[in-house]
């Protein structure tokens, strides 16, 4: 979204590349590591997270969930 605002929606640079599931999880982990307040804010916003077939999570996705689970919740 910031890129689109910077270059305009018609510019070729505004295209967002397709990401796979592993890339999305990795990007979320990187964002949470860079900004711990982002994780806390998202944890406050989403109070309940259900995961279907958790036994099939890969190590990276399991790490994301563990980080999410341990994040503080504002009172």
Protein backbone atom coordinates (compact mmCIF):
# COMPACT_ATOMS: atom_id res chain seq x y z
CA UNK A 1 0.00 0.00 0.00
CA UNK A 2 2.83 2.41 0.80
CA UNK A 3 4.45 1.64 -2.54
CA UNK A 4 1.23 2.42 -4.37
CA UNK A 5 0.91 5.71 -2.51
CA UNK A 6 4.51 6.61 -3.39
CA UNK A 7 4.40 5.84 -7.13
CA UNK A 8 0.69 5.86 -7.98
CA UNK A 9 -1.52 2.89 -8.77
CA UNK A 10 -0.91 3.03 -12.54
CA UNK A 11 2.88 2.80 -12.23
CA UNK A 12 4.47 -0.58 -12.99
CA UNK A 13 6.33 -0.40 -9.66
CA UNK A 14 2.97 -0.52 -7.86
CA UNK A 15 2.45 -4.18 -8.69
CA UNK A 16 2.69 -6.48 -5.71
CA UNK A 17 4.42 -9.77 -6.49
CA UNK A 18 2.62 -12.99 -5.66
CA UNK A 19 3.88 -14.61 -2.46
CA UNK A 20 3.68 -18.22 -1.40
CA UNK A 21 2.52 -19.32 2.03
CA UNK A 22 6.08 -19.73 3.32
CA UNK A 23 7.00 -16.24 2.09
CA UNK A 24 3.94 -14.74 3.81
CA UNK A 25 4.76 -16.46 7.10
CA UNK A 26 8.38 -15.38 6.80
CA UNK A 27 7.35 -11.79 6.09
CA UNK A 28 5.05 -11.80 9.13
CA UNK A 29 7.83 -13.17 11.35
CA UNK A 30 10.24 -10.52 10.04
CA UNK A 31 7.68 -7.75 10.63
CA UNK A 32 6.97 -8.97 14.18
CA UNK A 33 10.71 -9.18 14.93
CA UNK A 34 11.31 -5.67 13.59
CA UNK A 35 8.37 -4.14 15.46
CA UNK A 36 7.26 -5.93 18.65
CA UNK A 37 4.45 -3.39 19.07
CA UNK A 38 2.97 -4.59 15.77
CA UNK A 39 2.67 -8.09 17.19
CA UNK A 40 1.05 -6.78 20.37
CA UNK A 41 -1.37 -4.64 18.36
CA UNK A 42 -2.39 -7.57 16.18
CA UNK A 43 -2.72 -9.82 19.22
CA UNK A 44 -5.04 -7.23 20.79
CA UNK A 45 -7.07 -7.01 17.59
CA UNK A 46 -7.46 -10.75 17.09
CA UNK A 47 -8.33 -12.33 20.44
CA UNK A 48 -9.04 -15.85 19.15
CA UNK A 49 -7.11 -17.69 16.46
CA UNK A 50 -8.19 -21.19 15.46
CA UNK A 51 -5.84 -23.43 13.50
CA UNK A 52 -7.22 -26.44 11.66
CA UNK A 53 -4.86 -29.40 11.10
CA UNK A 54 -2.12 -27.95 13.32
CA UNK A 55 -0.30 -31.28 13.13
CA UNK A 56 0.54 -30.38 9.53
CA UNK A 57 2.20 -27.04 10.31
CA UNK A 58 5.74 -26.75 9.00
CA UNK A 59 8.41 -25.55 11.45
CA UNK A 60 8.24 -21.96 10.21
CA UNK A 61 4.44 -21.76 10.59
CA UNK A 62 4.66 -23.43 14.00
CA UNK A 63 7.24 -20.80 14.99
CA UNK A 64 4.85 -18.06 13.88
CA UNK A 65 2.05 -19.52 15.96
CA UNK A 66 4.32 -19.93 19.00
CA UNK A 67 5.42 -16.31 18.71
CA UNK A 68 1.77 -15.25 18.41
CA UNK A 69 0.78 -17.35 21.41
CA UNK A 70 3.47 -15.81 23.62
CA UNK A 71 2.71 -12.20 22.67
CA UNK A 72 1.35 -10.05 25.47
CA UNK A 73 -2.27 -8.98 25.43
CA UNK A 74 -3.10 -5.47 26.58
CA UNK A 75 -5.47 -5.31 29.56
